[in-house]
Amino acid sequence: MAMGGDINALSTFPIEWWLGRRTEDQGQGSPAGGHYPYARPVRTGWTRDATGRWVASGEDPHEWEVFCEQCGDADGPADEQPTLAREIRGPYPSKHKAVHAAKKHFDRMRPSPQEGTYGP
């Protein structure tokens, strides 16, 4: 018997709610424990709004990308992103491949519990 409900409900909250933040990360706005990339359909038709933020007008349902804010990805076209964000962004030919790349990136960027440093 599950404690208080459906296990799928856990995925509706940010992961740092469950993991907590390291003391040195508190108040800095970055999640503890590394990077939190996610897969999404490739966004298209990028333009800047009145405030200068990038806004996409569509998505390509046949290609996927990985977005990782902790790598400096601030949305917008891939060629406008920092090198680290461009390396993980993609595009990928399927959701499966994008999710796999996101998981690998998450594992690689997880801090080492022994050293408190990030992966290789």
C-alpha atoms as a PDB file:
ATOM      1  CA  MET A   1       0.000   0.000   0.000  1.00  0.00           C
ATOM      2  CA  ALA A   2       1.405   3.391  -1.042  1.00  0.00           C
ATOM      3  CA  MET A   3       1.866   6.039   1.584  1.00  0.00           C
ATOM      4  CA  GLY A   4      -0.728   8.683   0.848  1.00  0.00           C
ATOM      5  CA  GLY A   5      -1.330   8.115  -2.845  1.00  0.00           C
ATOM      6  CA  ASP A   6      -0.010   7.568  -6.295  1.00  0.00           C
ATOM      7  CA  ILE A   7       3.755   7.330  -6.807  1.00  0.00           C
ATOM      8  CA  ASN A   8       3.340   9.281 -10.075  1.00  0.00           C
ATOM      9  CA  ALA A   9       2.431  12.337  -8.004  1.00  0.00           C
ATOM     10  CA  LEU A  10       6.105  12.548  -6.991  1.00  0.00           C
ATOM     11  CA  SER A  11       7.054  13.589 -10.520  1.00  0.00           C
ATOM     12  CA  THR A  12       4.913  16.729 -10.312  1.00  0.00           C
ATOM     13  CA  PHE A  13       7.309  18.443  -7.905  1.00  0.00           C
ATOM     14  CA  PRO A  14      10.847  19.732  -8.614  1.00  0.00           C
ATOM     15  CA  ILE A  15      13.431  17.089  -7.719  1.00  0.00           C
ATOM     16  CA  GLU A  16      15.197  19.426  -5.295  1.00  0.00           C
ATOM     17  CA  TRP A  17      12.068  19.338  -3.088  1.00  0.00           C
ATOM     18  CA  TRP A  18      12.840  15.668  -2.445  1.00  0.00           C
ATOM     19  CA  LEU A  19      16.642  15.863  -2.436  1.00  0.00           C
ATOM     20  CA  GLY A  20      17.102  19.215  -0.696  1.00  0.00           C
ATOM     21  CA  ARG A  21      19.848  21.735  -1.347  1.00  0.00           C
ATOM     22  CA  ARG A  22      23.467  21.677  -0.289  1.00  0.00           C
ATOM     23  CA  THR A  23      24.290  24.458   2.169  1.00  0.00           C
ATOM     24  CA  GLU A  24      26.567  26.230  -0.316  1.00  0.00           C
ATOM     25  CA  ASP A  25      23.764  26.247  -2.936  1.00  0.00           C
ATOM     26  CA  GLN A  26      21.116  27.769  -0.678  1.00  0.00           C
ATOM     27  CA  GLY A  27      19.886  31.110  -1.944  1.00  0.00           C
ATOM     28  CA  GLN A  28      21.724  30.951  -5.261  1.00  0.00           C
ATOM     29  CA  GLY A  29      18.763  29.769  -7.334  1.00  0.00           C
ATOM     30  CA  SER A  30      20.520  26.668  -8.656  1.00  0.00           C
ATOM     31  CA  PRO A  31      19.339  23.192  -7.702  1.00  0.00           C
ATOM     32  CA  ALA A  32      21.515  21.065  -5.485  1.00  0.00           C
ATOM     33  CA  GLY A  33      22.989  17.870  -6.812  1.00  0.00           C
ATOM     34  CA  GLY A  34      24.040  18.914 -10.290  1.00  0.00           C
ATOM     35  CA  HIS A  35      22.093  19.450 -13.483  1.00  0.00           C
ATOM     36  CA  TYR A  36      18.426  18.774 -14.285  1.00  0.00           C
ATOM     37  CA  PRO A  37      18.131  18.423 -18.067  1.00  0.00           C
ATOM     38  CA  TYR A  38      14.898  17.420 -19.759  1.00  0.00           C
ATOM     39  CA  ALA A  39      13.817  16.345 -23.236  1.00  0.00           C
ATOM     40  CA  ARG A  40      11.302  18.322 -25.284  1.00  0.00           C
ATOM     41  CA  PRO A  41      10.286  18.629 -28.945  1.00  0.00           C
ATOM     42  CA  VAL A  42      12.606  20.978 -30.864  1.00  0.00           C
ATOM     43  CA  ARG A  43      11.214  24.497 -30.642  1.00  0.00           C
ATOM     44  CA  THR A  44      11.091  26.519 -33.845  1.00  0.00           C
ATOM     45  CA  GLY A  45      10.335  30.019 -35.092  1.00  0.00           C
ATOM     46  CA  TRP A  46      12.368  31.873 -32.465  1.00  0.00           C
ATOM     47  CA  THR A  47      11.791  35.621 -32.105  1.00  0.00           C
ATOM     48  CA  ARG A  48      12.397  38.098 -29.318  1.00  0.00           C
ATOM     49  CA  ASP A  49       9.440  39.584 -27.451  1.00  0.00           C
ATOM     50  CA  ALA A  50       9.159  43.212 -26.283  1.00  0.00           C
ATOM     51  CA  THR A  51      11.320  42.465 -23.220  1.00  0.00           C
ATOM     52  CA  GLY A  52      14.072  40.803 -25.272  1.00  0.00           C
ATOM     53  CA  ARG A  53      13.271  37.229 -24.200  1.00  0.00           C
ATOM     54  CA  TRP A  54      13.243  34.439 -26.776  1.00  0.00           C
ATOM     55  CA  VAL A  55       9.804  33.088 -27.698  1.00  0.00           C
ATOM     56  CA  ALA A  56       9.167  30.032 -29.906  1.00  0.00           C
ATOM     57  CA  SER A  57       6.199  30.018 -32.250  1.00  0.00           C
ATOM     58  CA  GLY A  58       6.155  26.254 -32.820  1.00  0.00           C
ATOM     59  CA  GLU A  59       7.598  22.802 -32.257  1.00  0.00           C
ATOM     60  CA  ASP A  60       8.944  20.125 -34.587  1.00  0.00           C
ATOM     61  CA  PRO A  61       7.159  16.889 -33.638  1.00  0.00           C
ATOM     62  CA  HIS A  62       9.825  14.796 -35.407  1.00  0.00           C
ATOM     63  CA  GLU A  63      12.929  16.045 -33.592  1.00  0.00           C
ATOM     64  CA  TRP A  64      13.784  16.347 -29.903  1.00  0.00           C
ATOM     65  CA  GLU A  65      16.244  18.421 -27.897  1.00  0.00           C
ATOM     66  CA  VAL A  66      17.623  18.463 -24.367  1.00  0.00           C
ATOM     67  CA  PHE A  67      17.295  21.646 -22.339  1.00  0.00           C
ATOM     68  CA  CYS A  68      19.595  22.170 -19.330  1.00  0.00           C
ATOM     69  CA  GLU A  69      19.307  25.492 -17.560  1.00  0.00           C
ATOM     70  CA  GLN A  70      22.287  24.682 -15.326  1.00  0.00           C
ATOM     71  CA  CYS A  71      24.493  24.525 -18.471  1.00  0.00           C
ATOM     72  CA  GLY A  72      23.531  28.119 -19.213  1.00  0.00           C
ATOM     73  CA  ASP A  73      20.742  27.318 -21.673  1.00  0.00           C
ATOM     74  CA  ALA A  74      18.448  30.342 -21.585  1.00  0.00           C
ATOM     75  CA  ASP A  75      16.073  29.139 -24.299  1.00  0.00           C
ATOM     76  CA  GLY A  76      16.229  30.534 -27.789  1.00  0.00           C
ATOM     77  CA  PRO A  77      17.983  29.144 -30.852  1.00  0.00           C
ATOM     78  CA  ALA A  78      20.687  26.566 -30.145  1.00  0.00           C
ATOM     79  CA  ASP A  79      23.354  28.660 -31.890  1.00  0.00           C
ATOM     80  CA  GLU A  80      22.707  31.463 -29.361  1.00  0.00           C
ATOM     81  CA  GLN A  81      23.493  29.230 -26.360  1.00  0.00           C
ATOM     82  CA  PRO A  82      26.787  28.649 -24.511  1.00  0.00           C
ATOM     83  CA  THR A  83      28.993  25.812 -25.779  1.00  0.00           C
ATOM     84  CA  LEU A  84      28.073  23.395 -22.972  1.00  0.00           C
ATOM     85  CA  ALA A  85      24.347  23.922 -23.601  1.00  0.00           C
ATOM     86  CA  ARG A  86      24.801  23.481 -27.389  1.00  0.00           C
ATOM     87  CA  GLU A  87      26.660  20.197 -26.855  1.00  0.00           C
ATOM     88  CA  ILE A  88      23.729  18.630 -25.004  1.00  0.00           C
ATOM     89  CA  ARG A  89      20.885  20.419 -26.874  1.00  0.00           C
ATOM     90  CA  GLY A  90      20.756  18.154 -29.937  1.00  0.00           C
ATOM     91  CA  PRO A  91      18.657  17.707 -32.017  1.00  0.00           C
ATOM     92  CA  TYR A  92      17.874  14.025 -31.489  1.00  0.00           C
ATOM     93  CA  PRO A  93      15.821  11.888 -33.918  1.00  0.00           C
ATOM     94  CA  SER A  94      13.490  10.527 -31.209  1.00  0.00           C
ATOM     95  CA  LYS A  95      12.183  11.232 -27.735  1.00  0.00           C
ATOM     96  CA  HIS A  96      13.865   8.023 -26.537  1.00  0.00           C
ATOM     97  CA  LYS A  97      17.321   9.232 -27.657  1.00  0.00           C
ATOM     98  CA  ALA A  98      16.795  12.695 -26.147  1.00  0.00           C
ATOM     99  CA  VAL A  99      15.676  11.233 -22.804  1.00  0.00           C
ATOM    100  CA  HIS A 100      18.692   8.899 -22.851  1.00  0.00           C
ATOM    101  CA  ALA A 101      21.037  11.862 -23.479  1.00  0.00           C
ATOM    102  CA  ALA A 102      19.370  13.837 -20.668  1.00  0.00           C
ATOM    103  CA  LYS A 103      19.800  10.932 -18.241  1.00  0.00           C
ATOM    104  CA  LYS A 104      23.461  10.518 -19.186  1.00  0.00           C
ATOM    105  CA  HIS A 105      24.041  14.233 -18.682  1.00  0.00           C
ATOM    106  CA  PHE A 106      22.258  14.143 -15.304  1.00  0.00           C
ATOM    107  CA  ASP A 107      24.443  11.218 -14.163  1.00  0.00           C
ATOM    108  CA  ARG A 108      27.649  12.820 -15.453  1.00  0.00           C
ATOM    109  CA  MET A 109      26.944  16.162 -13.749  1.00  0.00           C
ATOM    110  CA  ARG A 110      25.854  14.703 -10.397  1.00  0.00           C
ATOM    111  CA  PRO A 111      28.224  15.738  -7.589  1.00  0.00           C
ATOM    112  CA  SER A 112      30.486  13.078  -6.166  1.00  0.00           C
ATOM    113  CA  PRO A 113      29.378  12.341  -2.575  1.00  0.00           C
ATOM    114  CA  GLN A 114      32.972  11.747  -1.497  1.00  0.00           C
ATOM    115  CA  GLU A 115      34.413  14.966  -2.869  1.00  0.00           C
ATOM    116  CA  GLY A 116      31.442  17.287  -3.252  1.00  0.00           C
ATOM    117  CA  THR A 117      32.548  17.877  -6.847  1.00  0.00           C
ATOM    118  CA  TYR A 118      30.838  17.271 -10.141  1.00  0.00           C
ATOM    119  CA  GLY A 119      31.443  14.266 -12.379  1.00  0.00           C
ATOM    120  CA  PRO A 120      34.171  13.895 -14.998  1.00  0.00           C
END
